[in-house]
Amino acid sequence: MTAKEAVRIAIEHVRDLFESEKLSNSGLEEVEYQENDHAWAVTVGFSRPWDFPKGQLADVISPLTKPERRDCKTVRIRESDSKVISVKNRPVDFVR
């Protein structure tokens, strides 16, 4: 499995797992191959609807506003069979 394949699997998995939360702005933050257990660790960042500023003006220009924060999950994927073996919270430091 290549890094690109691992990233695709991770992003699709996060989008599917959190489908009911209407995620937006999902994308790759980090990717690392972990040789000790032959797995990929892919960090996926995204925004949830409640991460955007609220208020009358924010509601009007909401398509133009940036989220106030971003969440990240680290998805671990076993290389041998491309199976997702965990999804964990990844603390982030880039809150606006």
PDB file of N, CA and C in Angstrom:
ATOM      1  N   MET A   1       0.849  -1.170   0.000  1.00  0.00           N
ATOM      2  CA  MET A   1       0.000   0.000   0.000  1.00  0.00           C
ATOM      3  C   MET A   1       0.897   1.237   0.000  1.00  0.00           C
ATOM      4  N   THR A   2       0.517   2.217  -0.785  1.00  0.00           N
ATOM      5  CA  THR A   2       1.278   3.462  -0.833  1.00  0.00           C
ATOM      6  C   THR A   2       0.677   4.463   0.151  1.00  0.00           C
ATOM      7  N   ALA A   3       1.406   5.527   0.412  1.00  0.00           N
ATOM      8  CA  ALA A   3       0.892   6.589   1.283  1.00  0.00           C
ATOM      9  C   ALA A   3      -0.391   7.173   0.705  1.00  0.00           C
ATOM     10  N   LYS A   4      -0.420   7.356  -0.605  1.00  0.00           N
ATOM     11  CA  LYS A   4      -1.599   7.926  -1.264  1.00  0.00           C
ATOM     12  C   LYS A   4      -2.829   7.042  -1.051  1.00  0.00           C
ATOM     13  N   GLU A   5      -2.657   5.733  -1.140  1.00  0.00           N
ATOM     14  CA  GLU A   5      -3.779   4.807  -0.917  1.00  0.00           C
ATOM     15  C   GLU A   5      -4.242   4.869   0.539  1.00  0.00           C
ATOM     16  N   ALA A   6      -3.290   4.933   1.468  1.00  0.00           N
ATOM     17  CA  ALA A   6      -3.637   5.012   2.888  1.00  0.00           C
ATOM     18  C   ALA A   6      -4.422   6.291   3.183  1.00  0.00           C
ATOM     19  N   VAL A   7      -4.011   7.394   2.596  1.00  0.00           N
ATOM     20  CA  VAL A   7      -4.707   8.666   2.786  1.00  0.00           C
ATOM     21  C   VAL A   7      -6.132   8.579   2.247  1.00  0.00           C
ATOM     22  N   ARG A   8      -6.300   8.019   1.064  1.00  0.00           N
ATOM     23  CA  ARG A   8      -7.645   7.884   0.480  1.00  0.00           C
ATOM     24  C   ARG A   8      -8.549   7.067   1.395  1.00  0.00           C
ATOM     25  N   ILE A   9      -8.037   5.937   1.898  1.00  0.00           N
ATOM     26  CA  ILE A   9      -8.818   5.074   2.789  1.00  0.00           C
ATOM     27  C   ILE A   9      -9.193   5.828   4.060  1.00  0.00           C
ATOM     28  N   ALA A  10      -8.243   6.538   4.634  1.00  0.00           N
ATOM     29  CA  ALA A  10      -8.487   7.249   5.891  1.00  0.00           C
ATOM     30  C   ALA A  10      -9.537   8.343   5.721  1.00  0.00           C
ATOM     31  N   ILE A  11      -9.409   9.148   4.678  1.00  0.00           N
ATOM     32  CA  ILE A  11     -10.374  10.231   4.461  1.00  0.00           C
ATOM     33  C   ILE A  11     -11.764   9.670   4.207  1.00  0.00           C
ATOM     34  N   GLU A  12     -11.866   8.640   3.383  1.00  0.00           N
ATOM     35  CA  GLU A  12     -13.175   8.017   3.125  1.00  0.00           C
ATOM     36  C   GLU A  12     -13.765   7.443   4.413  1.00  0.00           C
ATOM     37  N   HIS A  13     -12.921   6.831   5.229  1.00  0.00           N
ATOM     38  CA  HIS A  13     -13.405   6.221   6.470  1.00  0.00           C
ATOM     39  C   HIS A  13     -13.944   7.288   7.429  1.00  0.00           C
ATOM     40  N   VAL A  14     -13.215   8.384   7.580  1.00  0.00           N
ATOM     41  CA  VAL A  14     -13.658   9.462   8.473  1.00  0.00           C
ATOM     42  C   VAL A  14     -14.963  10.073   7.952  1.00  0.00           C
ATOM     43  N   ARG A  15     -15.038  10.340   6.663  1.00  0.00           N
ATOM     44  CA  ARG A  15     -16.270  10.912   6.091  1.00  0.00           C
ATOM     45  C   ARG A  15     -17.460   9.980   6.322  1.00  0.00           C
ATOM     46  N   ASP A  16     -17.262   8.680   6.140  1.00  0.00           N
ATOM     47  CA  ASP A  16     -18.343   7.710   6.328  1.00  0.00           C
ATOM     48  C   ASP A  16     -18.717   7.585   7.804  1.00  0.00           C
ATOM     49  N   LEU A  17     -17.723   7.481   8.670  1.00  0.00           N
ATOM     50  CA  LEU A  17     -17.955   7.285  10.095  1.00  0.00           C
ATOM     51  C   LEU A  17     -18.706   8.462  10.718  1.00  0.00           C
ATOM     52  N   PHE A  18     -18.376   9.672  10.298  1.00  0.00           N
ATOM     53  CA  PHE A  18     -18.977  10.870  10.865  1.00  0.00           C
ATOM     54  C   PHE A  18     -20.008  11.507   9.924  1.00  0.00           C
ATOM     55  N   GLU A  19     -20.584  10.724   9.043  1.00  0.00           N
ATOM     56  CA  GLU A  19     -21.519  11.222   8.036  1.00  0.00           C
ATOM     57  C   GLU A  19     -22.657  12.040   8.643  1.00  0.00           C
ATOM     58  N   SER A  20     -23.183  11.617   9.750  1.00  0.00           N
ATOM     59  CA  SER A  20     -24.322  12.310  10.353  1.00  0.00           C
ATOM     60  C   SER A  20     -23.944  13.685  10.912  1.00  0.00           C
ATOM     61  N   GLU A  21     -22.666  13.962  11.049  1.00  0.00           N
ATOM     62  CA  GLU A  21     -22.220  15.241  11.608  1.00  0.00           C
ATOM     63  C   GLU A  21     -21.944  16.297  10.538  1.00  0.00           C
ATOM     64  N   LYS A  22     -22.195  15.971   9.279  1.00  0.00           N
ATOM     65  CA  LYS A  22     -22.066  16.939   8.174  1.00  0.00           C
ATOM     66  C   LYS A  22     -20.694  17.626   8.159  1.00  0.00           C
ATOM     67  N   LEU A  23     -19.634  16.823   8.090  1.00  0.00           N
ATOM     68  CA  LEU A  23     -18.273  17.353   8.067  1.00  0.00           C
ATOM     69  C   LEU A  23     -18.024  18.171   6.813  1.00  0.00           C
ATOM     70  N   SER A  24     -17.119  19.133   6.918  1.00  0.00           N
ATOM     71  CA  SER A  24     -16.676  19.900   5.755  1.00  0.00           C
ATOM     72  C   SER A  24     -15.180  20.151   5.893  1.00  0.00           C
ATOM     73  N   ASN A  25     -14.586  20.618   4.838  1.00  0.00           N
ATOM     74  CA  ASN A  25     -13.159  20.958   4.836  1.00  0.00           C
ATOM     75  C   ASN A  25     -12.263  19.793   5.261  1.00  0.00           C
ATOM     76  N   SER A  26     -12.637  18.572   4.909  1.00  0.00           N
ATOM     77  CA  SER A  26     -11.815  17.426   5.319  1.00  0.00           C
ATOM     78  C   SER A  26     -10.583  17.325   4.431  1.00  0.00           C
ATOM     79  N   GLY A  27      -9.491  16.922   5.048  1.00  0.00           N
ATOM     80  CA  GLY A  27      -8.262  16.789   4.282  1.00  0.00           C
ATOM     81  C   GLY A  27      -7.120  16.243   5.114  1.00  0.00           C
ATOM     82  N   LEU A  28      -6.064  15.914   4.439  1.00  0.00           N
ATOM     83  CA  LEU A  28      -4.871  15.339   5.052  1.00  0.00           C
ATOM     84  C   LEU A  28      -4.144  16.362   5.904  1.00  0.00           C
ATOM     85  N   GLU A  29      -3.752  15.941   7.092  1.00  0.00           N
ATOM     86  CA  GLU A  29      -2.897  16.759   7.954  1.00  0.00           C
ATOM     87  C   GLU A  29      -1.508  16.123   8.079  1.00  0.00           C
ATOM     88  N   GLU A  30      -1.466  14.808   8.310  1.00  0.00           N
ATOM     89  CA  GLU A  30      -0.191  14.102   8.476  1.00  0.00           C
ATOM     90  C   GLU A  30      -0.341  12.666   7.987  1.00  0.00           C
ATOM     91  N   VAL A  31       0.770  12.093   7.571  1.00  0.00           N
ATOM     92  CA  VAL A  31       0.790  10.668   7.229  1.00  0.00           C
ATOM     93  C   VAL A  31       2.147  10.114   7.640  1.00  0.00           C
ATOM     94  N   GLU A  32       2.118   8.927   8.244  1.00  0.00           N
ATOM     95  CA  GLU A  32       3.361   8.307   8.698  1.00  0.00           C
ATOM     96  C   GLU A  32       3.230   6.788   8.609  1.00  0.00           C
ATOM     97  N   TYR A  33       4.264   6.152   8.094  1.00  0.00           N
ATOM     98  CA  TYR A  33       4.301   4.692   8.088  1.00  0.00           C
ATOM     99  C   TYR A  33       5.004   4.238   9.359  1.00  0.00           C
ATOM    100  N   GLN A  34       4.369   3.341  10.102  1.00  0.00           N
ATOM    101  CA  GLN A  34       4.924   2.838  11.357  1.00  0.00           C
ATOM    102  C   GLN A  34       5.454   1.426  11.126  1.00  0.00           C
ATOM    103  N   GLU A  35       6.764   1.347  10.956  1.00  0.00           N
ATOM    104  CA  GLU A  35       7.394   0.071  10.608  1.00  0.00           C
ATOM    105  C   GLU A  35       7.243  -0.997  11.679  1.00  0.00           C
ATOM    106  N   ASN A  36       7.231  -0.596  12.945  1.00  0.00           N
ATOM    107  CA  ASN A  36       7.171  -1.585  14.025  1.00  0.00           C
ATOM    108  C   ASN A  36       5.917  -2.451  13.979  1.00  0.00           C
ATOM    109  N   ASP A  37       4.799  -1.897  13.509  1.00  0.00           N
ATOM    110  CA  ASP A  37       3.579  -2.715  13.408  1.00  0.00           C
ATOM    111  C   ASP A  37       2.995  -2.737  11.997  1.00  0.00           C
ATOM    112  N   HIS A  38       3.772  -2.289  11.023  1.00  0.00           N
ATOM    113  CA  HIS A  38       3.377  -2.345   9.610  1.00  0.00           C
ATOM    114  C   HIS A  38       1.990  -1.730   9.385  1.00  0.00           C
ATOM    115  N   ALA A  39       1.857  -0.492   9.855  1.00  0.00           N
ATOM    116  CA  ALA A  39       0.583   0.224   9.718  1.00  0.00           C
ATOM    117  C   ALA A  39       0.850   1.679   9.344  1.00  0.00           C
ATOM    118  N   TRP A  40      -0.146   2.273   8.707  1.00  0.00           N
ATOM    119  CA  TRP A  40      -0.105   3.690   8.371  1.00  0.00           C
ATOM    120  C   TRP A  40      -0.898   4.462   9.408  1.00  0.00           C
ATOM    121  N   ALA A  41      -0.364   5.585   9.841  1.00  0.00           N
ATOM    122  CA  ALA A  41      -1.086   6.508  10.722  1.00  0.00           C
ATOM    123  C   ALA A  41      -1.362   7.757   9.893  1.00  0.00           C
ATOM    124  N   VAL A  42      -2.630   7.998   9.615  1.00  0.00           N
ATOM    125  CA  VAL A  42      -3.029   9.119   8.768  1.00  0.00           C
ATOM    126  C   VAL A  42      -3.909  10.044   9.601  1.00  0.00           C
ATOM    127  N   THR A  43      -3.494  11.290   9.733  1.00  0.00           N
ATOM    128  CA  THR A  43      -4.289  12.272  10.469  1.00  0.00           C
ATOM    129  C   THR A  43      -5.120  13.071   9.480  1.00  0.00           C
ATOM    130  N   VAL A  44      -6.433  13.050   9.720  1.00  0.00           N
ATOM    131  CA  VAL A  44      -7.402  13.734   8.863  1.00  0.00           C
ATOM    132  C   VAL A  44      -8.010  14.881   9.661  1.00  0.00           C
ATOM    133  N   GLY A  45      -7.958  16.074   9.080  1.00  0.00           N
ATOM    134  CA  GLY A  45      -8.568  17.240   9.714  1.00  0.00           C
ATOM    135  C   GLY A  45      -9.893  17.557   9.043  1.00  0.00           C
ATOM    136  N   PHE A  46     -10.799  18.174   9.803  1.00  0.00           N
ATOM    137  CA  PHE A  46     -12.111  18.530   9.263  1.00  0.00           C
ATOM    138  C   PHE A  46     -12.782  19.550  10.161  1.00  0.00           C
ATOM    139  N   SER A  47     -13.858  20.131   9.652  1.00  0.00           N
ATOM    140  CA  SER A  47     -14.679  21.067  10.422  1.00  0.00           C
ATOM    141  C   SER A  47     -16.068  20.478  10.572  1.00  0.00           C
ATOM    142  N   ARG A  48     -16.683  20.812  11.681  1.00  0.00           N
ATOM    143  CA  ARG A  48     -18.072  20.434  11.920  1.00  0.00           C
ATOM    144  C   ARG A  48     -18.909  21.708  11.867  1.00  0.00           C
ATOM    145  N   PRO A  49     -20.224  21.600  11.645  1.00  0.00           N
ATOM    146  CA  PRO A  49     -21.044  22.809  11.530  1.00  0.00           C
ATOM    147  C   PRO A  49     -20.897  23.758  12.721  1.00  0.00           C
ATOM    148  N   TRP A  50     -20.743  23.228  13.920  1.00  0.00           N
ATOM    149  CA  TRP A  50     -20.657  24.076  15.107  1.00  0.00           C
ATOM    150  C   TRP A  50     -19.274  24.706  15.291  1.00  0.00           C
ATOM    151  N   ASP A  51     -18.338  24.417  14.398  1.00  0.00           N
ATOM    152  CA  ASP A  51     -17.008  25.028  14.465  1.00  0.00           C
ATOM    153  C   ASP A  51     -16.964  26.410  13.813  1.00  0.00           C
ATOM    154  N   PHE A  52     -18.034  26.816  13.141  1.00  0.00           N
ATOM    155  CA  PHE A  52     -18.064  28.093  12.433  1.00  0.00           C
ATOM    156  C   PHE A  52     -18.645  29.177  13.330  1.00  0.00           C
ATOM    157  N   PRO A  53     -18.224  30.430  13.141  1.00  0.00           N
ATOM    158  CA  PRO A  53     -18.755  31.539  13.948  1.00  0.00           C
ATOM    159  C   PRO A  53     -20.267  31.640  13.790  1.00  0.00           C
ATOM    160  N   LYS A  54     -20.928  32.074  14.838  1.00  0.00           N
ATOM    161  CA  LYS A  54     -22.391  32.213  14.837  1.00  0.00           C
ATOM    162  C   LYS A  54     -22.779  33.674  14.974  1.00  0.00           C
ATOM    163  N   GLY A  55     -23.972  33.988  14.545  1.00  0.00           N
ATOM    164  CA  GLY A  55     -24.500  35.349  14.649  1.00  0.00           C
ATOM    165  C   GLY A  55     -25.119  35.755  13.334  1.00  0.00           C
ATOM    166  N   GLN A  56     -25.846  36.863  13.336  1.00  0.00           N
ATOM    167  CA  GLN A  56     -26.551  37.294  12.131  1.00  0.00           C
ATOM    168  C   GLN A  56     -25.619  37.515  10.952  1.00  0.00           C
ATOM    169  N   LEU A  57     -24.566  38.277  11.144  1.00  0.00           N
ATOM    170  CA  LEU A  57     -23.646  38.550  10.046  1.00  0.00           C
ATOM    171  C   LEU A  57     -22.952  37.273   9.589  1.00  0.00           C
ATOM    172  N   ALA A  58     -22.535  36.437  10.544  1.00  0.00           N
ATOM    173  CA  ALA A  58     -21.876  35.176  10.193  1.00  0.00           C
ATOM    174  C   ALA A  58     -22.815  34.275   9.398  1.00  0.00           C
ATOM    175  N   ASP A  59     -24.114  34.290   9.731  1.00  0.00           N
ATOM    176  CA  ASP A  59     -25.079  33.469   9.000  1.00  0.00           C
ATOM    177  C   ASP A  59     -25.215  33.927   7.552  1.00  0.00           C
ATOM    178  N   VAL A  60     -25.139  35.225   7.314  1.00  0.00           N
ATOM    179  CA  VAL A  60     -25.275  35.772   5.971  1.00  0.00           C
ATOM    180  C   VAL A  60     -24.062  35.437   5.113  1.00  0.00           C
ATOM    181  N   ILE A  61     -22.877  35.538   5.694  1.00  0.00           N
ATOM    182  CA  ILE A  61     -21.647  35.312   4.924  1.00  0.00           C
ATOM    183  C   ILE A  61     -21.027  33.948   5.215  1.00  0.00           C
ATOM    184  N   SER A  62     -21.805  33.025   5.753  1.00  0.00           N
ATOM    185  CA  SER A  62     -21.260  31.730   6.177  1.00  0.00           C
ATOM    186  C   SER A  62     -20.443  31.001   5.116  1.00  0.00           C
ATOM    187  N   PRO A  63     -20.796  31.067   3.828  1.00  0.00           N
ATOM    188  CA  PRO A  63     -19.941  30.383   2.851  1.00  0.00           C
ATOM    189  C   PRO A  63     -18.536  30.980   2.769  1.00  0.00           C
ATOM    190  N   LEU A  64     -18.383  32.203   3.247  1.00  0.00           N
ATOM    191  CA  LEU A  64     -17.096  32.881   3.162  1.00  0.00           C
ATOM    192  C   LEU A  64     -16.290  32.809   4.455  1.00  0.00           C
ATOM    193  N   THR A  65     -16.916  32.359   5.535  1.00  0.00           N
ATOM    194  CA  THR A  65     -16.231  32.354   6.823  1.00  0.00           C
ATOM    195  C   THR A  65     -15.384  31.108   6.995  1.00  0.00           C
ATOM    196  N   LYS A  66     -14.327  31.276   7.749  1.00  0.00           N
ATOM    197  CA  LYS A  66     -13.455  30.151   8.075  1.00  0.00           C
ATOM    198  C   LYS A  66     -13.885  29.584   9.422  1.00  0.00           C
ATOM    199  N   PRO A  67     -13.699  28.296   9.627  1.00  0.00           N
ATOM    200  CA  PRO A  67     -14.062  27.731  10.930  1.00  0.00           C
ATOM    201  C   PRO A  67     -13.184  28.314  12.034  1.00  0.00           C
ATOM    202  N   GLU A  68     -13.747  28.403  13.234  1.00  0.00           N
ATOM    203  CA  GLU A  68     -12.986  28.878  14.386  1.00  0.00           C
ATOM    204  C   GLU A  68     -12.021  27.806  14.880  1.00  0.00           C
ATOM    205  N   ARG A  69     -12.344  26.573  14.603  1.00  0.00           N
ATOM    206  CA  ARG A  69     -11.470  25.483  15.012  1.00  0.00           C
ATOM    207  C   ARG A  69     -11.558  24.351  14.002  1.00  0.00           C
ATOM    208  N   ARG A  70     -10.688  23.377  14.188  1.00  0.00           N
ATOM    209  CA  ARG A  70     -10.637  22.231  13.286  1.00  0.00           C
ATOM    210  C   ARG A  70     -10.370  21.014  14.148  1.00  0.00           C
ATOM    211  N   ASP A  71     -11.066  19.940  13.870  1.00  0.00           N
ATOM    212  CA  ASP A  71     -10.847  18.690  14.591  1.00  0.00           C
ATOM    213  C   ASP A  71      -9.965  17.776  13.763  1.00  0.00           C
ATOM    214  N   CYS A  72      -9.253  16.894  14.442  1.00  0.00           N
ATOM    215  CA  CYS A  72      -8.408  15.924  13.745  1.00  0.00           C
ATOM    216  C   CYS A  72      -8.580  14.544  14.361  1.00  0.00           C
ATOM    217  N   LYS A  73      -8.543  13.550  13.518  1.00  0.00           N
ATOM    218  CA  LYS A  73      -8.568  12.149  13.931  1.00  0.00           C
ATOM    219  C   LYS A  73      -7.381  11.455  13.270  1.00  0.00           C
ATOM    220  N   THR A  74      -6.727  10.592  14.017  1.00  0.00           N
ATOM    221  CA  THR A  74      -5.665   9.776  13.444  1.00  0.00           C
ATOM    222  C   THR A  74      -6.229   8.386  13.174  1.00  0.00           C
ATOM    223  N   VAL A  75      -6.156   8.004  11.926  1.00  0.00           N
ATOM    224  CA  VAL A  75      -6.676   6.715  11.473  1.00  0.00           C
ATOM    225  C   VAL A  75      -5.490   5.797  11.238  1.00  0.00           C
ATOM    226  N   ARG A  76      -5.504   4.625  11.882  1.00  0.00           N
ATOM    227  CA  ARG A  76      -4.435   3.645  11.674  1.00  0.00           C
ATOM    228  C   ARG A  76      -4.959   2.552  10.757  1.00  0.00           C
ATOM    229  N   ILE A  77      -4.170   2.237   9.748  1.00  0.00           N
ATOM    230  CA  ILE A  77      -4.560   1.274   8.718  1.00  0.00           C
ATOM    231  C   ILE A  77      -3.477   0.208   8.627  1.00  0.00           C
ATOM    232  N   ARG A  78      -3.886  -1.040   8.797  1.00  0.00           N
ATOM    233  CA  ARG A  78      -2.945  -2.160   8.693  1.00  0.00           C
ATOM    234  C   ARG A  78      -2.547  -2.330   7.232  1.00  0.00           C
ATOM    235  N   GLU A  79      -1.261  -2.405   6.978  1.00  0.00           N
ATOM    236  CA  GLU A  79      -0.778  -2.476   5.596  1.00  0.00           C
ATOM    237  C   GLU A  79      -1.152  -3.787   4.901  1.00  0.00           C
ATOM    238  N   SER A  80      -1.117  -4.891   5.610  1.00  0.00           N
ATOM    239  CA  SER A  80      -1.299  -6.202   4.970  1.00  0.00           C
ATOM    240  C   SER A  80      -2.660  -6.381   4.302  1.00  0.00           C
ATOM    241  N   ASP A  81      -3.721  -5.795   4.902  1.00  0.00           N
ATOM    242  CA  ASP A  81      -5.062  -5.998   4.335  1.00  0.00           C
ATOM    243  C   ASP A  81      -5.858  -4.695   4.174  1.00  0.00           C
ATOM    244  N   SER A  82      -5.212  -3.546   4.391  1.00  0.00           N
ATOM    245  CA  SER A  82      -5.833  -2.222   4.249  1.00  0.00           C
ATOM    246  C   SER A  82      -7.000  -2.000   5.203  1.00  0.00           C
ATOM    247  N   LYS A  83      -7.033  -2.743   6.295  1.00  0.00           N
ATOM    248  CA  LYS A  83      -8.115  -2.619   7.264  1.00  0.00           C
ATOM    249  C   LYS A  83      -7.838  -1.480   8.237  1.00  0.00           C
ATOM    250  N   VAL A  84      -8.867  -0.652   8.490  1.00  0.00           N
ATOM    251  CA  VAL A  84      -8.762   0.392   9.509  1.00  0.00           C
ATOM    252  C   VAL A  84      -8.805  -0.291  10.866  1.00  0.00           C
ATOM    253  N   ILE A  85      -7.774  -0.048  11.674  1.00  0.00           N
ATOM    254  CA  ILE A  85      -7.704  -0.721  12.975  1.00  0.00           C
ATOM    255  C   ILE A  85      -7.974   0.222  14.143  1.00  0.00           C
ATOM    256  N   SER A  86      -7.945   1.535  13.910  1.00  0.00           N
ATOM    257  CA  SER A  86      -8.332   2.472  14.966  1.00  0.00           C
ATOM    258  C   SER A  86      -8.558   3.861  14.393  1.00  0.00           C
ATOM    259  N   VAL A  87      -9.376   4.606  15.120  1.00  0.00           N
ATOM    260  CA  VAL A  87      -9.603   6.022  14.847  1.00  0.00           C
ATOM    261  C   VAL A  87      -9.548   6.705  16.208  1.00  0.00           C
ATOM    262  N   LYS A  88      -8.585   7.623  16.372  1.00  0.00           N
ATOM    263  CA  LYS A  88      -8.395   8.270  17.670  1.00  0.00           C
ATOM    264  C   LYS A  88      -8.360   9.785  17.514  1.00  0.00           C
ATOM    265  N   ASN A  89      -8.726  10.463  18.608  1.00  0.00           N
ATOM    266  CA  ASN A  89      -8.625  11.911  18.632  1.00  0.00           C
ATOM    267  C   ASN A  89      -7.164  12.317  18.517  1.00  0.00           C
ATOM    268  N   ARG A  90      -6.937  13.393  17.810  1.00  0.00           N
ATOM    269  CA  ARG A  90      -5.585  13.951  17.668  1.00  0.00           C
ATOM    270  C   ARG A  90      -5.677  15.391  18.148  1.00  0.00           C
ATOM    271  N   PRO A  91      -5.087  15.705  19.306  1.00  0.00           N
ATOM    272  CA  PRO A  91      -5.134  17.093  19.784  1.00  0.00           C
ATOM    273  C   PRO A  91      -4.509  18.043  18.744  1.00  0.00           C
ATOM    274  N   VAL A  92      -5.114  19.199  18.602  1.00  0.00           N
ATOM    275  CA  VAL A  92      -4.609  20.174  17.629  1.00  0.00           C
ATOM    276  C   VAL A  92      -4.300  21.486  18.312  1.00  0.00           C
ATOM    277  N   ASP A  93      -3.337  22.198  17.764  1.00  0.00           N
ATOM    278  CA  ASP A  93      -2.924  23.486  18.322  1.00  0.00           C
ATOM    279  C   ASP A  93      -3.341  24.659  17.454  1.00  0.00           C
ATOM    280  N   PHE A  94      -4.056  24.408  16.351  1.00  0.00           N
ATOM    281  CA  PHE A  94      -4.334  25.501  15.436  1.00  0.00           C
ATOM    282  C   PHE A  94      -5.778  26.000  15.500  1.00  0.00           C
ATOM    283  N   VAL A  95      -6.246  26.240  16.722  1.00  0.00           N
ATOM    284  CA  VAL A  95      -7.558  26.854  16.894  1.00  0.00           C
ATOM    285  C   VAL A  95      -7.403  28.341  16.630  1.00  0.00           C
ATOM    286  N   ARG A  96      -8.313  28.910  15.858  1.00  0.00           N
ATOM    287  CA  ARG A  96      -8.230  30.344  15.544  1.00  0.00           C
ATOM    288  C   ARG A  96      -8.563  31.189  16.734  1.00  0.00           C
TER     289      ARG A  96
END
